[in-house]
């Protein structure tokens, strides 16, 4: 599989709502980071659906290399 574009070398804090679905961009091309805007069309990438289990602030990965998608695990610090 091809490598994703690094959209940002930092996480995106997002206030999520319990039960709401979010579609995290896996390709790094979206202009609506950290979420999908359809920019992956024509590539092998597909967005990752995430359903919030609680209303809270989460940190979505911006570098697209996290080992715990869609959430940041600090991998951006080593890129």
N, C-alpha and C. Protein backbone atom coordinates (compact mmCIF):
# COMPACT_ATOMS: atom_id res chain seq x y z
N UNK A 1 0.84 -1.18 0.00
CA UNK A 1 0.00 0.00 0.00
C UNK A 1 0.89 1.25 0.00
N UNK A 2 0.49 2.29 -0.71
CA UNK A 2 1.30 3.51 -0.76
C UNK A 2 1.32 4.23 0.59
N UNK A 3 2.31 5.06 0.78
CA UNK A 3 2.43 5.86 2.00
C UNK A 3 1.46 7.04 1.93
N UNK A 4 0.82 7.38 3.05
CA UNK A 4 -0.05 8.55 3.06
C UNK A 4 0.78 9.83 3.08
N UNK A 5 0.18 10.92 2.64
CA UNK A 5 0.79 12.24 2.73
C UNK A 5 0.74 12.67 4.20
N UNK A 6 1.80 13.26 4.69
CA UNK A 6 1.79 13.79 6.06
C UNK A 6 1.06 15.11 6.01
N UNK A 7 -0.15 15.14 6.56
CA UNK A 7 -0.97 16.35 6.54
C UNK A 7 -0.46 17.37 7.54
N UNK A 8 0.00 16.90 8.70
CA UNK A 8 0.52 17.78 9.75
C UNK A 8 1.36 16.96 10.71
N UNK A 9 2.34 17.59 11.30
CA UNK A 9 3.17 16.89 12.29
C UNK A 9 2.71 17.26 13.69
N UNK A 10 1.39 17.20 13.85
CA UNK A 10 0.76 17.43 15.14
C UNK A 10 -0.64 16.83 15.10
N UNK A 11 -1.21 16.53 16.26
CA UNK A 11 -2.58 16.02 16.28
C UNK A 11 -3.59 17.16 16.15
N UNK A 12 -4.81 16.80 15.80
CA UNK A 12 -5.91 17.74 15.70
C UNK A 12 -6.87 17.50 16.86
N UNK A 13 -7.01 18.47 17.79
CA UNK A 13 -7.98 18.29 18.86
C UNK A 13 -9.39 18.49 18.32
N UNK A 14 -10.27 17.56 18.64
CA UNK A 14 -11.65 17.61 18.14
C UNK A 14 -12.60 17.28 19.29
N UNK A 15 -13.59 18.14 19.51
CA UNK A 15 -14.65 17.86 20.48
C UNK A 15 -15.64 16.93 19.79
N UNK A 16 -15.68 15.68 20.22
CA UNK A 16 -16.56 14.69 19.60
C UNK A 16 -17.82 14.51 20.45
N UNK A 17 -18.89 14.05 19.81
CA UNK A 17 -20.15 13.80 20.50
C UNK A 17 -20.42 12.31 20.56
N UNK A 18 -20.82 11.84 21.73
CA UNK A 18 -21.10 10.42 21.93
C UNK A 18 -22.10 9.92 20.88
N UNK A 19 -21.75 8.79 20.24
CA UNK A 19 -22.61 8.15 19.26
C UNK A 19 -22.47 8.69 17.85
N UNK A 20 -21.80 9.82 17.67
CA UNK A 20 -21.64 10.41 16.34
C UNK A 20 -20.50 9.72 15.59
N UNK A 21 -20.68 9.57 14.28
CA UNK A 21 -19.66 8.95 13.43
C UNK A 21 -18.77 10.02 12.80
N UNK A 22 -17.50 9.73 12.75
CA UNK A 22 -16.50 10.61 12.14
C UNK A 22 -15.70 9.78 11.15
N UNK A 23 -15.32 10.38 10.04
CA UNK A 23 -14.57 9.67 9.00
C UNK A 23 -13.19 10.31 8.87
N UNK A 24 -12.22 9.64 9.49
CA UNK A 24 -10.84 10.13 9.53
C UNK A 24 -10.15 9.91 8.19
N UNK A 25 -9.50 10.95 7.71
CA UNK A 25 -8.74 10.88 6.45
C UNK A 25 -7.52 9.99 6.64
N UNK A 26 -7.36 8.99 5.80
CA UNK A 26 -6.19 8.10 5.88
C UNK A 26 -5.13 8.45 4.83
N UNK A 27 -5.51 9.21 3.81
CA UNK A 27 -4.56 9.51 2.72
C UNK A 27 -3.71 10.74 2.98
N UNK A 28 -4.21 11.67 3.82
CA UNK A 28 -3.48 12.89 4.11
C UNK A 28 -3.75 14.01 3.13
N UNK A 29 -4.60 13.79 2.13
CA UNK A 29 -4.84 14.78 1.08
C UNK A 29 -6.03 15.70 1.35
N UNK A 30 -6.87 15.34 2.31
CA UNK A 30 -8.09 16.11 2.59
C UNK A 30 -7.78 17.55 2.97
N UNK A 31 -8.58 18.47 2.51
CA UNK A 31 -8.47 19.88 2.90
C UNK A 31 -9.25 20.13 4.19
N UNK A 32 -9.96 19.09 4.67
CA UNK A 32 -10.77 19.19 5.89
C UNK A 32 -10.16 18.36 7.02
N UNK A 33 -8.85 18.38 7.14
CA UNK A 33 -8.15 17.59 8.16
C UNK A 33 -8.73 17.83 9.54
N UNK A 34 -8.86 16.79 10.34
CA UNK A 34 -8.35 15.45 10.14
C UNK A 34 -9.34 14.52 9.44
N UNK A 35 -10.42 15.09 8.93
CA UNK A 35 -11.48 14.27 8.37
C UNK A 35 -11.48 14.24 6.85
N UNK A 36 -12.13 13.24 6.30
CA UNK A 36 -12.17 12.99 4.86
C UNK A 36 -13.04 14.01 4.13
N UNK A 37 -12.56 14.45 2.98
CA UNK A 37 -13.36 15.29 2.09
C UNK A 37 -13.49 14.66 0.70
N UNK A 38 -13.09 13.38 0.57
CA UNK A 38 -13.19 12.68 -0.70
C UNK A 38 -11.95 12.78 -1.57
N UNK A 39 -10.90 13.43 -1.08
CA UNK A 39 -9.67 13.61 -1.87
C UNK A 39 -8.95 12.31 -2.18
N UNK A 40 -9.32 11.23 -1.49
CA UNK A 40 -8.69 9.93 -1.72
C UNK A 40 -9.18 9.25 -3.00
N UNK A 41 -10.24 9.76 -3.60
CA UNK A 41 -10.81 9.11 -4.79
C UNK A 41 -9.74 8.93 -5.85
N UNK A 42 -9.67 7.72 -6.40
CA UNK A 42 -8.66 7.39 -7.40
C UNK A 42 -7.39 6.82 -6.78
N UNK A 43 -7.38 6.69 -5.44
CA UNK A 43 -6.22 6.09 -4.76
C UNK A 43 -6.69 4.80 -4.07
N UNK A 44 -5.77 4.13 -3.40
CA UNK A 44 -6.10 2.91 -2.67
C UNK A 44 -6.63 3.22 -1.26
N UNK A 45 -6.63 4.48 -0.86
CA UNK A 45 -7.03 4.85 0.49
C UNK A 45 -8.55 4.95 0.62
N UNK A 46 -9.03 4.64 1.81
CA UNK A 46 -10.44 4.83 2.16
C UNK A 46 -10.47 5.45 3.56
N UNK A 47 -11.47 6.27 3.88
CA UNK A 47 -11.52 6.86 5.21
C UNK A 47 -11.82 5.80 6.27
N UNK A 48 -11.43 6.09 7.49
CA UNK A 48 -11.66 5.18 8.62
C UNK A 48 -12.81 5.74 9.45
N UNK A 49 -13.87 4.94 9.60
CA UNK A 49 -15.02 5.36 10.41
C UNK A 49 -14.70 5.20 11.88
N UNK A 50 -14.98 6.25 12.64
CA UNK A 50 -14.80 6.23 14.08
C UNK A 50 -16.10 6.69 14.73
N UNK A 51 -16.62 5.91 15.66
CA UNK A 51 -17.82 6.28 16.39
C UNK A 51 -17.42 6.63 17.82
N UNK A 52 -17.73 7.85 18.22
CA UNK A 52 -17.35 8.33 19.55
C UNK A 52 -18.12 7.58 20.64
N UNK A 53 -17.40 7.06 21.62
CA UNK A 53 -18.03 6.33 22.72
C UNK A 53 -18.44 7.26 23.86
N UNK A 54 -17.93 8.50 23.83
CA UNK A 54 -18.28 9.49 24.85
C UNK A 54 -18.10 10.88 24.24
N UNK A 55 -18.77 11.85 24.80
CA UNK A 55 -18.58 13.24 24.40
C UNK A 55 -17.36 13.78 25.15
N UNK A 56 -16.31 14.08 24.40
CA UNK A 56 -15.04 14.51 24.98
C UNK A 56 -14.18 15.14 23.90
N UNK A 57 -12.98 15.56 24.23
CA UNK A 57 -12.03 16.04 23.24
C UNK A 57 -11.03 14.93 22.97
N UNK A 58 -10.87 14.58 21.71
CA UNK A 58 -9.91 13.57 21.28
C UNK A 58 -8.88 14.22 20.37
N UNK A 59 -7.73 13.59 20.26
CA UNK A 59 -6.64 14.10 19.43
C UNK A 59 -6.44 13.16 18.25
N UNK A 60 -6.96 13.59 17.09
CA UNK A 60 -6.87 12.79 15.87
C UNK A 60 -5.51 13.00 15.21
N UNK A 61 -4.93 11.91 14.75
CA UNK A 61 -3.61 11.93 14.12
C UNK A 61 -3.61 12.81 12.87
N UNK A 62 -2.56 13.63 12.75
CA UNK A 62 -2.39 14.46 11.57
C UNK A 62 -1.32 13.95 10.64
N UNK A 63 -0.40 13.12 11.16
CA UNK A 63 0.71 12.64 10.32
C UNK A 63 0.34 11.40 9.51
N UNK A 64 -0.77 10.75 9.90
CA UNK A 64 -1.30 9.56 9.21
C UNK A 64 -0.42 8.33 9.37
N UNK A 65 0.48 8.35 10.34
CA UNK A 65 1.36 7.21 10.58
C UNK A 65 1.16 6.59 11.97
N UNK A 66 0.12 7.00 12.69
CA UNK A 66 -0.15 6.48 14.02
C UNK A 66 -0.34 4.96 13.99
N UNK A 67 0.03 4.33 15.08
CA UNK A 67 -0.20 2.88 15.22
C UNK A 67 -1.55 2.62 15.88
N UNK A 68 -2.25 3.70 16.27
CA UNK A 68 -3.55 3.59 16.94
C UNK A 68 -4.59 4.44 16.21
N UNK A 69 -4.79 4.21 14.92
CA UNK A 69 -5.70 5.05 14.15
C UNK A 69 -7.13 5.00 14.68
N UNK A 70 -7.81 6.11 14.68
CA UNK A 70 -7.44 7.40 14.10
C UNK A 70 -6.77 8.35 15.09
N UNK A 71 -6.48 7.89 16.29
CA UNK A 71 -5.98 8.78 17.33
C UNK A 71 -4.46 8.87 17.35
N UNK A 72 -3.97 10.02 17.74
CA UNK A 72 -2.53 10.28 17.80
C UNK A 72 -1.87 9.41 18.85
N UNK A 73 -0.71 8.86 18.50
CA UNK A 73 0.10 8.09 19.45
C UNK A 73 1.50 8.69 19.61
N UNK A 74 1.71 9.88 19.05
CA UNK A 74 3.00 10.56 19.17
C UNK A 74 3.99 10.23 18.07
N UNK A 75 3.60 9.42 17.10
CA UNK A 75 4.51 9.05 16.01
C UNK A 75 5.06 10.26 15.28
N UNK A 76 4.29 11.33 15.20
CA UNK A 76 4.73 12.55 14.49
C UNK A 76 6.05 13.09 15.06
N UNK A 77 6.35 12.78 16.31
CA UNK A 77 7.59 13.27 16.93
C UNK A 77 8.83 12.61 16.35
N UNK A 78 8.67 11.48 15.66
CA UNK A 78 9.82 10.78 15.09
C UNK A 78 9.90 10.90 13.57
N UNK A 79 9.03 11.70 12.97
CA UNK A 79 9.04 11.85 11.50
C UNK A 79 9.91 13.00 11.06
